[in-house]
Amino acid sequence: MDVIALTGGIAAGKSTVARRWRGHGAVIIDADALAREAVAPGSAGLEAIAERFGAEVLDEHGTLDRGALGRRVFADEAERSALNAIVHPEVHRLYHESVARARDADPGALIVYDVPLLGQARGRDEFGLVVVVDAPAQTRVRRLVEHRGMTEEEARVRVAAQLTDDERRALADIVIDASGTLERTLEQADQVWSTVRSRASVGGAE
């Protein structure tokens, strides 16, 4: 089966679903982890960011200061586009390397790409199945304030920088409604994973 894309807006509950699926045996490739690798100390990505945005986005150790960079790019579309032009190509390369390693290790593995920016950094047609973890924007703003310590203004800027709820749902083959309780979200995650495994089994039999 082709790689499954798992996406959702910030604080929607996508990581909760990814952890659940990992427990069911999925190979999870985390786009955020790849993005961190792309700008690790000594990387070409970090060098390019420092050249484009200045030393103020680095901390005293020469490591990326994500808070400083985030405050600069999330409120400015041109700055965000400049950052994406540096980071996305490197993440794309690292993604393909990760998929190749996973398939070499287990040709029958079900690979899930945990990717928040589907539709912005990656196209939905690259994947065999797209699962969207959905929660209303206002719910996600509240979660960012309550659980991540953001101000409401900071949270709204982060949410507004991504696709709208309608745009994200339009990408989906399957939607998991994560606006309710954790138990309900996990129940849906289990149901969807059962469906995914069944599809993979049918495809393998063919």
C-alpha atoms as a PDB file:
ATOM      1  CA  MET A   1       0.000   0.000   0.000  1.00  0.00           C
ATOM      2  CA  ASP A   2       1.192   3.528  -0.757  1.00  0.00           C
ATOM      3  CA  VAL A   3       2.160   5.801   2.121  1.00  0.00           C
ATOM      4  CA  ILE A   4      -0.791   7.046   4.197  1.00  0.00           C
ATOM      5  CA  ALA A   5      -0.844  10.761   4.967  1.00  0.00           C
ATOM      6  CA  LEU A   6      -2.089  11.707   8.430  1.00  0.00           C
ATOM      7  CA  THR A   7      -2.744  15.415   8.741  1.00  0.00           C
ATOM      8  CA  GLY A   8      -4.598  17.932  10.847  1.00  0.00           C
ATOM      9  CA  GLY A   9      -4.361  21.494  12.045  1.00  0.00           C
ATOM     10  CA  ILE A  10      -2.217  22.477  14.990  1.00  0.00           C
ATOM     11  CA  ALA A  11      -3.667  21.084  18.249  1.00  0.00           C
ATOM     12  CA  ALA A  12      -6.309  19.063  16.400  1.00  0.00           C
ATOM     13  CA  GLY A  13      -5.146  15.731  17.849  1.00  0.00           C
ATOM     14  CA  LYS A  14      -3.074  14.365  14.986  1.00  0.00           C
ATOM     15  CA  SER A  15      -0.183  13.325  17.232  1.00  0.00           C
ATOM     16  CA  THR A  16      -2.596  11.425  19.473  1.00  0.00           C
ATOM     17  CA  VAL A  17      -3.779   9.404  16.487  1.00  0.00           C
ATOM     18  CA  ALA A  18      -0.203   8.838  15.301  1.00  0.00           C
ATOM     19  CA  ARG A  19       0.819   7.455  18.698  1.00  0.00           C
ATOM     20  CA  ARG A  20      -2.185   5.158  18.689  1.00  0.00           C
ATOM     21  CA  TRP A  21      -1.346   3.843  15.231  1.00  0.00           C
ATOM     22  CA  ARG A  22       2.276   3.334  16.163  1.00  0.00           C
ATOM     23  CA  GLY A  23       0.999   1.082  18.940  1.00  0.00           C
ATOM     24  CA  HIS A  24      -0.886  -0.890  16.297  1.00  0.00           C
ATOM     25  CA  GLY A  25       2.311  -1.436  14.305  1.00  0.00           C
ATOM     26  CA  ALA A  26       2.372   1.512  11.921  1.00  0.00           C
ATOM     27  CA  VAL A  27       5.721   2.903  10.824  1.00  0.00           C
ATOM     28  CA  ILE A  28       5.347   6.613  11.576  1.00  0.00           C
ATOM     29  CA  ILE A  29       7.462   9.154   9.713  1.00  0.00           C
ATOM     30  CA  ASP A  30       7.142  12.457  11.540  1.00  0.00           C
ATOM     31  CA  ALA A  31       7.390  15.543   9.335  1.00  0.00           C
ATOM     32  CA  ASP A  32       8.171  17.730  12.340  1.00  0.00           C
ATOM     33  CA  ALA A  33      11.100  15.471  13.267  1.00  0.00           C
ATOM     34  CA  LEU A  34      12.382  15.692   9.695  1.00  0.00           C
ATOM     35  CA  ALA A  35      12.036  19.472   9.822  1.00  0.00           C
ATOM     36  CA  ARG A  36      14.129  19.553  13.006  1.00  0.00           C
ATOM     37  CA  GLU A  37      16.744  17.379  11.348  1.00  0.00           C
ATOM     38  CA  ALA A  38      16.790  19.697   8.352  1.00  0.00           C
ATOM     39  CA  VAL A  39      17.836  22.629  10.550  1.00  0.00           C
ATOM     40  CA  ALA A  40      20.024  20.796  13.066  1.00  0.00           C
ATOM     41  CA  PRO A  41      23.319  22.403  14.135  1.00  0.00           C
ATOM     42  CA  GLY A  42      25.841  22.162  11.345  1.00  0.00           C
ATOM     43  CA  SER A  43      23.217  21.587   8.644  1.00  0.00           C
ATOM     44  CA  ALA A  44      23.014  23.481   5.391  1.00  0.00           C
ATOM     45  CA  GLY A  45      19.431  24.345   6.296  1.00  0.00           C
ATOM     46  CA  LEU A  46      20.410  26.146   9.490  1.00  0.00           C
ATOM     47  CA  GLU A  47      23.175  28.005   7.690  1.00  0.00           C
ATOM     48  CA  ALA A  48      20.703  29.204   5.062  1.00  0.00           C
ATOM     49  CA  ILE A  49      18.201  30.309   7.718  1.00  0.00           C
ATOM     50  CA  ALA A  50      20.828  32.304   9.591  1.00  0.00           C
ATOM     51  CA  GLU A  51      21.902  33.961   6.351  1.00  0.00           C
ATOM     52  CA  ARG A  52      18.313  34.849   5.408  1.00  0.00           C
ATOM     53  CA  PHE A  53      16.870  35.827   8.806  1.00  0.00           C
ATOM     54  CA  GLY A  54      19.917  36.963  10.760  1.00  0.00           C
ATOM     55  CA  ALA A  55      21.655  35.911  13.953  1.00  0.00           C
ATOM     56  CA  GLU A  56      18.625  36.906  16.068  1.00  0.00           C
ATOM     57  CA  VAL A  57      16.960  33.578  15.182  1.00  0.00           C
ATOM     58  CA  LEU A  58      19.863  31.651  16.743  1.00  0.00           C
ATOM     59  CA  ASP A  59      20.430  31.131  20.459  1.00  0.00           C
ATOM     60  CA  GLU A  60      23.710  31.602  22.320  1.00  0.00           C
ATOM     61  CA  HIS A  61      24.842  28.118  21.279  1.00  0.00           C
ATOM     62  CA  GLY A  62      24.223  28.728  17.577  1.00  0.00           C
ATOM     63  CA  THR A  63      21.127  26.506  17.599  1.00  0.00           C
ATOM     64  CA  LEU A  64      17.862  27.597  15.991  1.00  0.00           C
ATOM     65  CA  ASP A  65      15.717  29.655  18.355  1.00  0.00           C
ATOM     66  CA  ARG A  66      12.347  28.331  17.267  1.00  0.00           C
ATOM     67  CA  GLY A  67      10.390  30.815  19.332  1.00  0.00           C
ATOM     68  CA  ALA A  68      12.147  33.796  17.802  1.00  0.00           C
ATOM     69  CA  LEU A  69      11.823  32.404  14.294  1.00  0.00           C
ATOM     70  CA  GLY A  70       8.181  31.464  14.845  1.00  0.00           C
ATOM     71  CA  ARG A  71       7.234  34.934  16.033  1.00  0.00           C
ATOM     72  CA  ARG A  72       8.801  36.349  12.905  1.00  0.00           C
ATOM     73  CA  VAL A  73       7.362  34.023  10.265  1.00  0.00           C
ATOM     74  CA  PHE A  74       3.890  33.113  11.498  1.00  0.00           C
ATOM     75  CA  ALA A  75       2.694  36.704  11.305  1.00  0.00           C
ATOM     76  CA  ASP A  76       4.279  37.437   7.910  1.00  0.00           C
ATOM     77  CA  GLU A  77       3.413  35.368   4.855  1.00  0.00           C
ATOM     78  CA  ALA A  78       6.450  36.519   2.863  1.00  0.00           C
ATOM     79  CA  GLU A  79       8.822  35.572   5.677  1.00  0.00           C
ATOM     80  CA  ARG A  80       7.061  32.233   6.097  1.00  0.00           C
ATOM     81  CA  SER A  81       7.395  31.545   2.376  1.00  0.00           C
ATOM     82  CA  ALA A  82      11.111  32.319   2.543  1.00  0.00           C
ATOM     83  CA  LEU A  83      11.545  29.862   5.412  1.00  0.00           C
ATOM     84  CA  ASN A  84       9.552  27.180   3.611  1.00  0.00           C
ATOM     85  CA  ALA A  85      11.697  27.576   0.509  1.00  0.00           C
ATOM     86  CA  ILE A  86      14.714  26.661   2.633  1.00  0.00           C
ATOM     87  CA  VAL A  87      13.243  23.877   4.757  1.00  0.00           C
ATOM     88  CA  HIS A  88      10.749  22.047   2.542  1.00  0.00           C
ATOM     89  CA  PRO A  89      13.170  20.713  -0.102  1.00  0.00           C
ATOM     90  CA  GLU A  90      15.408  19.245   2.583  1.00  0.00           C
ATOM     91  CA  VAL A  91      12.456  17.702   4.413  1.00  0.00           C
ATOM     92  CA  HIS A  92      11.285  16.209   1.121  1.00  0.00           C
ATOM     93  CA  ARG A  93      14.681  14.545   0.646  1.00  0.00           C
ATOM     94  CA  LEU A  94      14.739  13.205   4.195  1.00  0.00           C
ATOM     95  CA  TYR A  95      11.179  11.871   3.767  1.00  0.00           C
ATOM     96  CA  HIS A  96      12.106   9.779   0.734  1.00  0.00           C
ATOM     97  CA  GLU A  97      15.150   8.408   2.552  1.00  0.00           C
ATOM     98  CA  SER A  98      12.936   7.441   5.507  1.00  0.00           C
ATOM     99  CA  VAL A  99      10.382   5.677   3.301  1.00  0.00           C
ATOM    100  CA  ALA A 100      13.130   3.748   1.519  1.00  0.00           C
ATOM    101  CA  ARG A 101      14.629   2.605   4.843  1.00  0.00           C
ATOM    102  CA  ALA A 102      11.237   1.511   6.160  1.00  0.00           C
ATOM    103  CA  ARG A 103      10.481  -0.517   3.040  1.00  0.00           C
ATOM    104  CA  ASP A 104      13.921  -2.111   3.065  1.00  0.00           C
ATOM    105  CA  ALA A 105      13.396  -3.168   6.681  1.00  0.00           C
ATOM    106  CA  ASP A 106       9.858  -4.491   6.099  1.00  0.00           C
ATOM    107  CA  PRO A 107       8.377  -4.520   2.590  1.00  0.00           C
ATOM    108  CA  GLY A 108       4.921  -5.143   4.052  1.00  0.00           C
ATOM    109  CA  ALA A 109       5.001  -2.279   6.568  1.00  0.00           C
ATOM    110  CA  LEU A 110       2.155   0.213   6.659  1.00  0.00           C
ATOM    111  CA  ILE A 111       3.882   3.590   6.506  1.00  0.00           C
ATOM    112  CA  VAL A 112       2.172   6.722   7.805  1.00  0.00           C
ATOM    113  CA  TYR A 113       3.488  10.215   7.137  1.00  0.00           C
ATOM    114  CA  ASP A 114       2.492  12.448  10.047  1.00  0.00           C
ATOM    115  CA  VAL A 115       2.427  15.739   8.163  1.00  0.00           C
ATOM    116  CA  PRO A 116       0.779  18.950   9.378  1.00  0.00           C
ATOM    117  CA  LEU A 117       1.275  20.930   6.163  1.00  0.00           C
ATOM    118  CA  LEU A 118      -0.426  18.653   3.656  1.00  0.00           C
ATOM    119  CA  GLY A 119      -1.838  20.896   0.959  1.00  0.00           C
ATOM    120  CA  GLN A 120       0.807  23.540   1.680  1.00  0.00           C
ATOM    121  CA  ALA A 121       4.156  21.740   1.641  1.00  0.00           C
ATOM    122  CA  ARG A 122       3.017  18.432   0.115  1.00  0.00           C
ATOM    123  CA  GLY A 123       0.340  17.477  -2.393  1.00  0.00           C
ATOM    124  CA  ARG A 124      -2.400  15.033  -1.459  1.00  0.00           C
ATOM    125  CA  ASP A 125      -1.904  13.102  -4.695  1.00  0.00           C
ATOM    126  CA  GLU A 126       1.478  11.889  -3.434  1.00  0.00           C
ATOM    127  CA  PHE A 127      -0.282   9.536  -1.014  1.00  0.00           C
ATOM    128  CA  GLY A 128      -2.451   6.470  -1.297  1.00  0.00           C
ATOM    129  CA  LEU A 129      -4.826   7.601   1.447  1.00  0.00           C
ATOM    130  CA  VAL A 130      -5.297  10.879   3.310  1.00  0.00           C
ATOM    131  CA  VAL A 131      -6.683  10.861   6.857  1.00  0.00           C
ATOM    132  CA  VAL A 132      -7.545  14.231   8.383  1.00  0.00           C
ATOM    133  CA  VAL A 133      -7.829  14.663  12.146  1.00  0.00           C
ATOM    134  CA  ASP A 134     -10.374  17.439  12.493  1.00  0.00           C
ATOM    135  CA  ALA A 135     -11.266  19.872  15.262  1.00  0.00           C
ATOM    136  CA  PRO A 136     -12.758  23.363  14.833  1.00  0.00           C
ATOM    137  CA  ALA A 137     -10.350  26.285  14.772  1.00  0.00           C
ATOM    138  CA  GLN A 138     -11.772  27.743  17.989  1.00  0.00           C
ATOM    139  CA  THR A 139     -11.269  24.438  19.784  1.00  0.00           C
ATOM    140  CA  ARG A 140      -7.657  24.333  18.628  1.00  0.00           C
ATOM    141  CA  VAL A 141      -7.052  27.912  19.774  1.00  0.00           C
ATOM    142  CA  ARG A 142      -8.389  26.994  23.220  1.00  0.00           C
ATOM    143  CA  ARG A 143      -6.145  23.923  23.395  1.00  0.00           C
ATOM    144  CA  LEU A 144      -3.073  25.969  22.455  1.00  0.00           C
ATOM    145  CA  VAL A 145      -3.831  28.461  25.212  1.00  0.00           C
ATOM    146  CA  GLU A 146      -4.641  25.834  27.847  1.00  0.00           C
ATOM    147  CA  HIS A 147      -2.024  23.190  27.048  1.00  0.00           C
ATOM    148  CA  ARG A 148       0.850  24.996  25.319  1.00  0.00           C
ATOM    149  CA  GLY A 149       0.885  28.273  27.214  1.00  0.00           C
ATOM    150  CA  MET A 150       0.249  30.545  24.239  1.00  0.00           C
ATOM    151  CA  THR A 151      -1.664  33.769  24.454  1.00  0.00           C
ATOM    152  CA  GLU A 152      -4.935  33.767  22.550  1.00  0.00           C
ATOM    153  CA  GLU A 153      -3.414  36.126  19.976  1.00  0.00           C
ATOM    154  CA  GLU A 154      -0.409  33.846  19.442  1.00  0.00           C
ATOM    155  CA  ALA A 155      -2.708  30.844  19.103  1.00  0.00           C
ATOM    156  CA  ARG A 156      -4.926  32.552  16.558  1.00  0.00           C
ATOM    157  CA  VAL A 157      -1.910  33.571  14.465  1.00  0.00           C
ATOM    158  CA  ARG A 158      -0.656  29.958  14.425  1.00  0.00           C
ATOM    159  CA  VAL A 159      -4.060  28.604  13.417  1.00  0.00           C
ATOM    160  CA  ALA A 160      -4.563  31.270  10.738  1.00  0.00           C
ATOM    161  CA  ALA A 161      -1.186  30.436   9.170  1.00  0.00           C
ATOM    162  CA  GLN A 162      -2.485  26.998   8.193  1.00  0.00           C
ATOM    163  CA  LEU A 163      -5.256  25.820   5.897  1.00  0.00           C
ATOM    164  CA  THR A 164      -8.820  26.542   6.921  1.00  0.00           C
ATOM    165  CA  ASP A 165     -10.900  23.716   8.362  1.00  0.00           C
ATOM    166  CA  ASP A 166     -12.857  23.437   5.096  1.00  0.00           C
ATOM    167  CA  GLU A 167      -9.688  23.375   2.967  1.00  0.00           C
ATOM    168  CA  ARG A 168      -8.187  20.611   5.088  1.00  0.00           C
ATOM    169  CA  ARG A 169     -11.333  18.480   5.080  1.00  0.00           C
ATOM    170  CA  ALA A 170     -11.460  18.798   1.285  1.00  0.00           C
ATOM    171  CA  LEU A 171      -8.168  16.858   1.142  1.00  0.00           C
ATOM    172  CA  ALA A 172      -9.513  13.933   3.146  1.00  0.00           C
ATOM    173  CA  ASP A 173     -10.419  10.418   2.161  1.00  0.00           C
ATOM    174  CA  ILE A 174     -11.286   9.789   5.814  1.00  0.00           C
ATOM    175  CA  VAL A 175     -11.970  12.285   8.626  1.00  0.00           C
ATOM    176  CA  ILE A 176     -11.451  11.597  12.328  1.00  0.00           C
ATOM    177  CA  ASP A 177     -13.487  14.010  14.467  1.00  0.00           C
ATOM    178  CA  ALA A 178     -11.213  14.913  17.377  1.00  0.00           C
ATOM    179  CA  SER A 179     -13.349  17.709  18.774  1.00  0.00           C
ATOM    180  CA  GLY A 180     -14.724  15.565  21.578  1.00  0.00           C
ATOM    181  CA  THR A 181     -13.220  13.374  24.281  1.00  0.00           C
ATOM    182  CA  LEU A 182      -9.898  11.583  24.048  1.00  0.00           C
ATOM    183  CA  GLU A 183     -11.699   8.265  24.333  1.00  0.00           C
ATOM    184  CA  ARG A 184     -13.895   9.077  21.334  1.00  0.00           C
ATOM    185  CA  THR A 185     -10.883  10.174  19.279  1.00  0.00           C
ATOM    186  CA  LEU A 186      -9.015   6.936  20.074  1.00  0.00           C
ATOM    187  CA  GLU A 187     -12.079   4.867  19.256  1.00  0.00           C
ATOM    188  CA  GLN A 188     -12.251   6.459  15.800  1.00  0.00           C
ATOM    189  CA  ALA A 189      -8.500   6.036  15.355  1.00  0.00           C
ATOM    190  CA  ASP A 190      -8.858   2.317  16.015  1.00  0.00           C
ATOM    191  CA  GLN A 191     -11.753   2.015  13.580  1.00  0.00           C
ATOM    192  CA  VAL A 192      -9.864   3.831  10.825  1.00  0.00           C
ATOM    193  CA  TRP A 193      -6.736   1.764  11.390  1.00  0.00           C
ATOM    194  CA  SER A 194      -8.797  -1.415  11.060  1.00  0.00           C
ATOM    195  CA  THR A 195     -10.118  -0.100   7.738  1.00  0.00           C
ATOM    196  CA  VAL A 196      -6.599   0.780   6.563  1.00  0.00           C
ATOM    197  CA  ARG A 197      -5.282  -2.676   7.411  1.00  0.00           C
ATOM    198  CA  SER A 198      -8.196  -4.306   5.603  1.00  0.00           C
ATOM    199  CA  ARG A 199      -7.511  -2.243   2.469  1.00  0.00           C
ATOM    200  CA  ALA A 200      -3.836  -3.161   2.626  1.00  0.00           C
ATOM    201  CA  SER A 201      -4.690  -6.854   2.961  1.00  0.00           C
ATOM    202  CA  VAL A 202      -7.006  -6.718  -0.043  1.00  0.00           C
ATOM    203  CA  GLY A 203      -4.358  -4.894  -2.070  1.00  0.00           C
ATOM    204  CA  GLY A 204      -1.754  -7.472  -1.100  1.00  0.00           C
ATOM    205  CA  ALA A 205      -4.043 -10.316  -2.089  1.00  0.00           C
ATOM    206  CA  GLU A 206      -4.490  -8.794  -5.490  1.00  0.00           C
END
